[in-house]
PDB file of N, CA and C in Angstrom:
ATOM      1  N   MET A   1       0.859  -1.203  -0.223  1.00  0.00           N
ATOM      2  CA  MET A   1       0.032  -0.108  -0.285  1.00  0.00           C
ATOM      3  C   MET A   1       0.702   0.868   0.360  1.00  0.00           C
ATOM      4  N   LEU A   2       2.199   1.580   0.369  1.00  0.00           N
ATOM      5  CA  LEU A   2       2.653   2.130   0.929  1.00  0.00           C
ATOM      6  C   LEU A   2       3.122   3.045  -0.715  1.00  0.00           C
ATOM      7  N   GLU A   3       3.560   2.156  -1.377  1.00  0.00           N
ATOM      8  CA  GLU A   3       4.187   2.261  -2.679  1.00  0.00           C
ATOM      9  C   GLU A   3       3.240   2.912  -3.588  1.00  0.00           C
ATOM     10  N   GLN A   4       1.681   2.614  -3.866  1.00  0.00           N
ATOM     11  CA  GLN A   4       0.583   2.543  -4.328  1.00  0.00           C
ATOM     12  C   GLN A   4       0.480   4.019  -3.981  1.00  0.00           C
ATOM     13  N   LEU A   5       0.419   4.111  -2.691  1.00  0.00           N
ATOM     14  CA  LEU A   5      -0.018   5.734  -1.775  1.00  0.00           C
ATOM     15  C   LEU A   5       1.353   6.770  -2.669  1.00  0.00           C
ATOM     16  N   ILE A   6       2.474   6.399  -2.285  1.00  0.00           N
ATOM     17  CA  ILE A   6       3.540   7.097  -3.220  1.00  0.00           C
ATOM     18  C   ILE A   6       3.181   7.401  -4.821  1.00  0.00           C
ATOM     19  N   GLN A   7       3.031   6.294  -5.484  1.00  0.00           N
ATOM     20  CA  GLN A   7       2.893   6.958  -6.568  1.00  0.00           C
ATOM     21  C   GLN A   7       1.650   7.437  -6.956  1.00  0.00           C
ATOM     22  N   GLN A   8       0.541   7.544  -6.366  1.00  0.00           N
ATOM     23  CA  GLN A   8      -0.552   8.513  -6.518  1.00  0.00           C
ATOM     24  C   GLN A   8      -0.815   9.796  -5.530  1.00  0.00           C
ATOM     25  N   TRP A   9       0.433   9.689  -4.915  1.00  0.00           N
ATOM     26  CA  TRP A   9       0.432  11.243  -3.884  1.00  0.00           C
ATOM     27  C   TRP A   9       0.106  12.570  -4.827  1.00  0.00           C
ATOM     28  N   ASP A  10       0.766  13.041  -5.987  1.00  0.00           N
ATOM     29  CA  ASP A  10       0.271  14.408  -6.380  1.00  0.00           C
ATOM     30  C   ASP A  10      -0.941  13.970  -6.729  1.00  0.00           C
ATOM     31  N   ASP A  11      -1.602  13.261  -7.426  1.00  0.00           N
ATOM     32  CA  ASP A  11      -2.612  13.010  -7.686  1.00  0.00           C
ATOM     33  C   ASP A  11      -3.893  13.291  -6.354  1.00  0.00           C
ATOM     34  N   ILE A  12      -3.743  12.610  -5.842  1.00  0.00           N
ATOM     35  CA  ILE A  12      -4.349  12.487  -4.245  1.00  0.00           C
ATOM     36  C   ILE A  12      -4.484  13.973  -4.025  1.00  0.00           C
ATOM     37  N   LEU A  13      -3.385  14.967  -3.846  1.00  0.00           N
ATOM     38  CA  LEU A  13      -3.313  16.041  -3.429  1.00  0.00           C
ATOM     39  C   LEU A  13      -3.914  16.959  -4.624  1.00  0.00           C
ATOM     40  N   LEU A  14      -4.235  16.698  -5.618  1.00  0.00           N
ATOM     41  CA  LEU A  14      -4.693  17.703  -6.453  1.00  0.00           C
ATOM     42  C   LEU A  14      -6.048  17.293  -6.503  1.00  0.00           C
ATOM     43  N   HIS A  15      -6.777  16.352  -6.531  1.00  0.00           N
ATOM     44  CA  HIS A  15      -8.047  15.928  -6.263  1.00  0.00           C
ATOM     45  C   HIS A  15      -8.480  16.332  -4.807  1.00  0.00           C
ATOM     46  N   LEU A  16      -8.158  16.329  -3.998  1.00  0.00           N
ATOM     47  CA  LEU A  16      -8.315  16.931  -3.078  1.00  0.00           C
ATOM     48  C   LEU A  16      -8.532  18.665  -2.894  1.00  0.00           C
ATOM     49  N   LYS A  17      -7.253  19.278  -3.628  1.00  0.00           N
ATOM     50  CA  LYS A  17      -7.541  20.657  -3.592  1.00  0.00           C
ATOM     51  C   LYS A  17      -9.039  21.288  -5.067  1.00  0.00           C
ATOM     52  N   GLU A  18      -8.892  19.931  -6.078  1.00  0.00           N
ATOM     53  CA  GLU A  18      -9.945  21.043  -6.720  1.00  0.00           C
ATOM     54  C   GLU A  18     -11.630  20.715  -6.055  1.00  0.00           C
ATOM     55  N   GLU A  19     -11.457  19.239  -5.653  1.00  0.00           N
ATOM     56  CA  GLU A  19     -12.448  18.665  -5.256  1.00  0.00           C
ATOM     57  C   GLU A  19     -13.231  19.782  -3.443  1.00  0.00           C
ATOM     58  N   HIS A  20     -12.165  20.543  -3.044  1.00  0.00           N
ATOM     59  CA  HIS A  20     -12.268  21.274  -1.846  1.00  0.00           C
ATOM     60  C   HIS A  20     -12.440  22.660  -2.221  1.00  0.00           C
ATOM     61  N   GLU A  21     -11.933  23.110  -3.976  1.00  0.00           N
ATOM     62  CA  GLU A  21     -11.870  24.276  -4.171  1.00  0.00           C
ATOM     63  C   GLU A  21     -10.910  25.131  -2.753  1.00  0.00           C
ATOM     64  N   LEU A  22      -9.654  24.350  -2.865  1.00  0.00           N
ATOM     65  CA  LEU A  22      -8.334  25.107  -2.059  1.00  0.00           C
ATOM     66  C   LEU A  22      -7.638  26.439  -3.194  1.00  0.00           C
ATOM     67  N   LEU A  23      -7.752  27.153  -2.707  1.00  0.00           N
ATOM     68  CA  LEU A  23      -6.745  28.502  -3.479  1.00  0.00           C
ATOM     69  C   LEU A  23      -5.044  27.975  -3.398  1.00  0.00           C
ATOM     70  N   ASP A  24      -4.546  28.348  -4.618  1.00  0.00           N
ATOM     71  CA  ASP A  24      -3.328  27.644  -4.912  1.00  0.00           C
ATOM     72  C   ASP A  24      -2.687  27.720  -3.559  1.00  0.00           C
ATOM     73  N   VAL A  25      -2.349  29.224  -3.153  1.00  0.00           N
ATOM     74  CA  VAL A  25      -1.629  29.508  -2.219  1.00  0.00           C
ATOM     75  C   VAL A  25      -2.087  28.515  -0.697  1.00  0.00           C
ATOM     76  N   SER A  26      -2.552  28.363  -0.692  1.00  0.00           N
ATOM     77  CA  SER A  26      -3.040  27.342   0.567  1.00  0.00           C
ATOM     78  C   SER A  26      -2.582  26.505   0.104  1.00  0.00           C
ATOM     79  N   TYR A  27      -3.107  25.332  -1.008  1.00  0.00           N
ATOM     80  CA  TYR A  27      -2.546  24.135  -1.723  1.00  0.00           C
ATOM     81  C   TYR A  27      -1.122  24.066  -1.945  1.00  0.00           C
ATOM     82  N   ARG A  28      -0.214  24.889  -2.095  1.00  0.00           N
ATOM     83  CA  ARG A  28       1.648  24.962  -2.098  1.00  0.00           C
ATOM     84  C   ARG A  28       1.978  25.338  -0.617  1.00  0.00           C
ATOM     85  N   THR A  29       1.641  26.039  -0.210  1.00  0.00           N
ATOM     86  CA  THR A  29       1.427  25.783   1.588  1.00  0.00           C
ATOM     87  C   THR A  29       1.566  24.806   2.178  1.00  0.00           C
ATOM     88  N   TRP A  30       0.486  24.442   1.991  1.00  0.00           N
ATOM     89  CA  TRP A  30      -0.059  23.271   3.459  1.00  0.00           C
ATOM     90  C   TRP A  30       0.274  21.842   2.708  1.00  0.00           C
ATOM     91  N   LEU A  31      -0.289  21.648   1.863  1.00  0.00           N
ATOM     92  CA  LEU A  31      -0.349  20.461   1.023  1.00  0.00           C
ATOM     93  C   LEU A  31       0.700  19.939   0.048  1.00  0.00           C
ATOM     94  N   LEU A  32       1.334  20.513  -0.303  1.00  0.00           N
ATOM     95  CA  LEU A  32       2.370  20.134  -1.683  1.00  0.00           C
ATOM     96  C   LEU A  32       3.685  19.828  -0.739  1.00  0.00           C
ATOM     97  N   PRO A  33       4.253  20.410   0.675  1.00  0.00           N
ATOM     98  CA  PRO A  33       5.376  19.705   1.304  1.00  0.00           C
ATOM     99  C   PRO A  33       4.624  18.386   1.978  1.00  0.00           C
ATOM    100  N   LEU A  34       3.684  18.060   2.189  1.00  0.00           N
ATOM    101  CA  LEU A  34       3.555  16.653   2.444  1.00  0.00           C
ATOM    102  C   LEU A  34       4.010  15.630   2.037  1.00  0.00           C
ATOM    103  N   LYS A  35       4.678  14.401   2.487  1.00  0.00           N
ATOM    104  CA  LYS A  35       5.071  13.246   1.818  1.00  0.00           C
ATOM    105  C   LYS A  35       4.655  12.062   2.853  1.00  0.00           C
ATOM    106  N   VAL A  36       4.367  11.264   2.336  1.00  0.00           N
ATOM    107  CA  VAL A  36       3.821   9.749   2.474  1.00  0.00           C
ATOM    108  C   VAL A  36       4.599   9.238   3.550  1.00  0.00           C
ATOM    109  N   TYR A  37       4.986   8.630   4.536  1.00  0.00           N
ATOM    110  CA  TYR A  37       6.391   8.093   5.020  1.00  0.00           C
ATOM    111  C   TYR A  37       6.093   6.992   5.631  1.00  0.00           C
ATOM    112  N   SER A  38       5.005   6.135   6.005  1.00  0.00           N
ATOM    113  CA  SER A  38       4.453   5.346   5.618  1.00  0.00           C
ATOM    114  C   SER A  38       2.883   4.629   6.097  1.00  0.00           C
ATOM    115  N   VAL A  39       3.099   3.585   6.068  1.00  0.00           N
ATOM    116  CA  VAL A  39       1.843   2.649   5.914  1.00  0.00           C
ATOM    117  C   VAL A  39       1.839   1.564   7.280  1.00  0.00           C
ATOM    118  N   GLU A  40       1.433   1.939   8.554  1.00  0.00           N
ATOM    119  CA  GLU A  40       1.494   0.403   9.036  1.00  0.00           C
ATOM    120  C   GLU A  40      -0.039   0.296   9.812  1.00  0.00           C
ATOM    121  N   GLY A  41      -0.124  -1.200   8.816  1.00  0.00           N
ATOM    122  CA  GLY A  41      -1.901  -1.576   9.438  1.00  0.00           C
ATOM    123  C   GLY A  41      -2.390  -0.526   8.786  1.00  0.00           C
ATOM    124  N   SER A  42      -4.082   0.451   9.253  1.00  0.00           N
ATOM    125  CA  SER A  42      -4.457   1.240   8.549  1.00  0.00           C
ATOM    126  C   SER A  42      -4.133   2.623   8.791  1.00  0.00           C
ATOM    127  N   VAL A  43      -2.546   2.979   9.905  1.00  0.00           N
ATOM    128  CA  VAL A  43      -2.375   3.954   9.954  1.00  0.00           C
ATOM    129  C   VAL A  43      -1.415   4.476   8.756  1.00  0.00           C
ATOM    130  N   VAL A  44      -1.825   5.538   8.016  1.00  0.00           N
ATOM    131  CA  VAL A  44      -0.606   6.462   6.958  1.00  0.00           C
ATOM    132  C   VAL A  44      -0.085   7.275   8.001  1.00  0.00           C
ATOM    133  N   THR A  45       1.477   7.351   8.732  1.00  0.00           N
ATOM    134  CA  THR A  45       1.776   8.978   8.407  1.00  0.00           C
ATOM    135  C   THR A  45       2.399   9.512   7.486  1.00  0.00           C
ATOM    136  N   ILE A  46       2.449  10.663   7.608  1.00  0.00           N
ATOM    137  CA  ILE A  46       2.761  11.702   6.593  1.00  0.00           C
ATOM    138  C   ILE A  46       3.499  12.709   7.089  1.00  0.00           C
ATOM    139  N   LEU A  47       4.518  13.054   6.812  1.00  0.00           N
ATOM    140  CA  LEU A  47       5.654  14.170   7.127  1.00  0.00           C
ATOM    141  C   LEU A  47       5.083  15.440   6.347  1.00  0.00           C
ATOM    142  N   ALA A  48       5.717  16.397   7.589  1.00  0.00           N
ATOM    143  CA  ALA A  48       5.140  17.882   7.415  1.00  0.00           C
ATOM    144  C   ALA A  48       7.090  18.537   7.307  1.00  0.00           C
ATOM    145  N   PRO A  49       7.246  19.593   6.663  1.00  0.00           N
ATOM    146  CA  PRO A  49       8.968  20.288   6.679  1.00  0.00           C
ATOM    147  C   PRO A  49       8.661  20.444   8.309  1.00  0.00           C
ATOM    148  N   ASP A  50       7.650  20.829   8.744  1.00  0.00           N
ATOM    149  CA  ASP A  50       8.191  21.940   9.757  1.00  0.00           C
ATOM    150  C   ASP A  50       7.059  21.236  10.829  1.00  0.00           C
ATOM    151  N   ALA A  51       7.481  21.185  12.278  1.00  0.00           N
ATOM    152  CA  ALA A  51       6.619  20.381  13.226  1.00  0.00           C
ATOM    153  C   ALA A  51       5.212  21.306  13.520  1.00  0.00           C
ATOM    154  N   ASN A  52       5.429  22.835  13.127  1.00  0.00           N
ATOM    155  CA  ASN A  52       4.910  23.913  13.890  1.00  0.00           C
ATOM    156  C   ASN A  52       3.501  23.491  12.881  1.00  0.00           C
ATOM    157  N   MET A  53       3.766  23.392  11.364  1.00  0.00           N
ATOM    158  CA  MET A  53       2.629  23.249  10.646  1.00  0.00           C
ATOM    159  C   MET A  53       1.977  21.809  11.038  1.00  0.00           C
ATOM    160  N   ILE A  54       2.355  20.988  12.065  1.00  0.00           N
ATOM    161  CA  ILE A  54       0.818  19.644  11.955  1.00  0.00           C
ATOM    162  C   ILE A  54       0.115  19.872  12.880  1.00  0.00           C
ATOM    163  N   THR A  55       0.036  20.590  13.737  1.00  0.00           N
ATOM    164  CA  THR A  55      -1.498  21.055  14.590  1.00  0.00           C
ATOM    165  C   THR A  55      -2.401  21.721  13.484  1.00  0.00           C
ATOM    166  N   TYR A  56      -1.830  22.571  12.584  1.00  0.00           N
ATOM    167  CA  TYR A  56      -2.853  23.507  11.571  1.00  0.00           C
ATOM    168  C   TYR A  56      -3.739  22.336  10.349  1.00  0.00           C
ATOM    169  N   ILE A  57      -2.227  21.647   9.811  1.00  0.00           N
ATOM    170  CA  ILE A  57      -2.205  20.589   8.787  1.00  0.00           C
ATOM    171  C   ILE A  57      -3.671  19.474   9.330  1.00  0.00           C
ATOM    172  N   ARG A  58      -3.319  19.085  10.494  1.00  0.00           N
ATOM    173  CA  ARG A  58      -4.135  18.248  11.116  1.00  0.00           C
ATOM    174  C   ARG A  58      -5.677  18.273  11.724  1.00  0.00           C
ATOM    175  N   ARG A  59      -5.390  19.500  11.826  1.00  0.00           N
ATOM    176  CA  ARG A  59      -7.047  20.354  12.212  1.00  0.00           C
ATOM    177  C   ARG A  59      -7.770  20.967  10.998  1.00  0.00           C
ATOM    178  N   LYS A  60      -7.328  21.378  10.012  1.00  0.00           N
ATOM    179  CA  LYS A  60      -7.990  21.806   8.796  1.00  0.00           C
ATOM    180  C   LYS A  60      -7.768  20.880   7.652  1.00  0.00           C
ATOM    181  N   TYR A  61      -7.039  19.947   7.275  1.00  0.00           N
ATOM    182  CA  TYR A  61      -7.075  19.297   6.117  1.00  0.00           C
ATOM    183  C   TYR A  61      -6.838  17.411   6.456  1.00  0.00           C
ATOM    184  N   GLY A  62      -6.940  17.258   8.016  1.00  0.00           N
ATOM    185  CA  GLY A  62      -6.208  15.914   8.181  1.00  0.00           C
ATOM    186  C   GLY A  62      -7.766  15.001   8.082  1.00  0.00           C
ATOM    187  N   LEU A  63      -8.909  15.639   8.099  1.00  0.00           N
ATOM    188  CA  LEU A  63     -10.180  14.428   7.922  1.00  0.00           C
ATOM    189  C   LEU A  63     -10.560  14.530   6.167  1.00  0.00           C
ATOM    190  N   ILE A  64     -10.438  15.320   5.528  1.00  0.00           N
ATOM    191  CA  ILE A  64     -10.591  15.595   3.899  1.00  0.00           C
ATOM    192  C   ILE A  64      -9.473  14.732   3.616  1.00  0.00           C
ATOM    193  N   LEU A  65      -8.397  14.942   4.170  1.00  0.00           N
ATOM    194  CA  LEU A  65      -7.137  13.915   3.293  1.00  0.00           C
ATOM    195  C   LEU A  65      -7.463  12.655   3.620  1.00  0.00           C
ATOM    196  N   GLN A  66      -7.919  12.280   4.877  1.00  0.00           N
ATOM    197  CA  GLN A  66      -8.239  10.693   4.928  1.00  0.00           C
ATOM    198  C   GLN A  66      -9.195  10.309   4.138  1.00  0.00           C
ATOM    199  N   VAL A  67     -10.188  11.307   3.719  1.00  0.00           N
ATOM    200  CA  VAL A  67     -11.678  10.808   2.990  1.00  0.00           C
ATOM    201  C   VAL A  67     -11.026  10.628   1.986  1.00  0.00           C
ATOM    202  N   THR A  68     -10.210  11.647   1.041  1.00  0.00           N
ATOM    203  CA  THR A  68      -9.428  11.730  -0.622  1.00  0.00           C
ATOM    204  C   THR A  68      -8.668  10.082  -0.701  1.00  0.00           C
ATOM    205  N   ILE A  69      -7.840  10.099   0.613  1.00  0.00           N
ATOM    206  CA  ILE A  69      -6.798   8.499   0.272  1.00  0.00           C
ATOM    207  C   ILE A  69      -8.125   7.571   0.165  1.00  0.00           C
ATOM    208  N   GLU A  70      -9.309   7.287   0.953  1.00  0.00           N
ATOM    209  CA  GLU A  70      -9.576   6.768   0.842  1.00  0.00           C
ATOM    210  C   GLU A  70     -10.559   6.353  -0.513  1.00  0.00           C
ATOM    211  N   GLU A  71     -10.899   7.768  -1.243  1.00  0.00           N
ATOM    212  CA  GLU A  71     -11.816   7.691  -2.599  1.00  0.00           C
ATOM    213  C   GLU A  71     -10.923   6.946  -3.350  1.00  0.00           C
ATOM    214  N   MET A  72     -10.129   7.285  -3.362  1.00  0.00           N
ATOM    215  CA  MET A  72      -8.626   6.976  -4.681  1.00  0.00           C
ATOM    216  C   MET A  72      -7.868   5.806  -4.348  1.00  0.00           C
ATOM    217  N   THR A  73      -8.136   5.249  -3.635  1.00  0.00           N
ATOM    218  CA  THR A  73      -7.215   3.832  -3.252  1.00  0.00           C
ATOM    219  C   THR A  73      -8.155   2.844  -2.849  1.00  0.00           C
ATOM    220  N   GLY A  74      -9.077   2.955  -2.387  1.00  0.00           N
ATOM    221  CA  GLY A  74      -9.826   2.191  -1.596  1.00  0.00           C
ATOM    222  C   GLY A  74      -9.267   1.888  -0.420  1.00  0.00           C
ATOM    223  N   PHE A  75      -8.241   2.200   0.077  1.00  0.00           N
ATOM    224  CA  PHE A  75      -7.923   1.714   1.579  1.00  0.00           C
ATOM    225  C   PHE A  75      -8.186   2.327   2.761  1.00  0.00           C
ATOM    226  N   GLU A  76      -8.914   1.703   3.787  1.00  0.00           N
ATOM    227  CA  GLU A  76      -9.912   3.017   4.276  1.00  0.00           C
ATOM    228  C   GLU A  76      -8.718   2.826   5.753  1.00  0.00           C
ATOM    229  N   CYS A  77      -8.069   4.015   5.918  1.00  0.00           N
ATOM    230  CA  CYS A  77      -7.353   4.444   6.850  1.00  0.00           C
ATOM    231  C   CYS A  77      -7.476   5.363   8.244  1.00  0.00           C
ATOM    232  N   THR A  78      -6.667   5.938   8.733  1.00  0.00           N
ATOM    233  CA  THR A  78      -6.778   6.588   9.159  1.00  0.00           C
ATOM    234  C   THR A  78      -5.217   7.792   9.152  1.00  0.00           C
ATOM    235  N   VAL A  79      -5.004   8.684   9.473  1.00  0.00           N
ATOM    236  CA  VAL A  79      -4.127   9.811   8.851  1.00  0.00           C
ATOM    237  C   VAL A  79      -3.651  10.002  10.562  1.00  0.00           C
ATOM    238  N   ASP A  80      -2.217  10.057  10.683  1.00  0.00           N
ATOM    239  CA  ASP A  80      -0.999  10.765  11.562  1.00  0.00           C
ATOM    240  C   ASP A  80       0.015  11.600  10.574  1.00  0.00           C
ATOM    241  N   PHE A  81       0.348  12.321  11.316  1.00  0.00           N
ATOM    242  CA  PHE A  81       1.439  13.478  11.264  1.00  0.00           C
ATOM    243  C   PHE A  81       2.399  12.878  12.003  1.00  0.00           C
TER     244      PHE A  81
END
């Protein structure tokens, strides 16, 4: 599953941007820097470049990121940062 997520990551983020009508600046600032780190069981761990970003990203984008991953991969998961 990790390889599939890594391969689809750019498409997942772009789909999230389009589906939720995010501004380009929000997309570039908050989502593009995120990278898939690992998949353990049903937990997808995502890395952010700055620990201070994590609280905001988790609150603002955590759920919609999880839903978008599930929609595009069929993999039911929880997202952790």
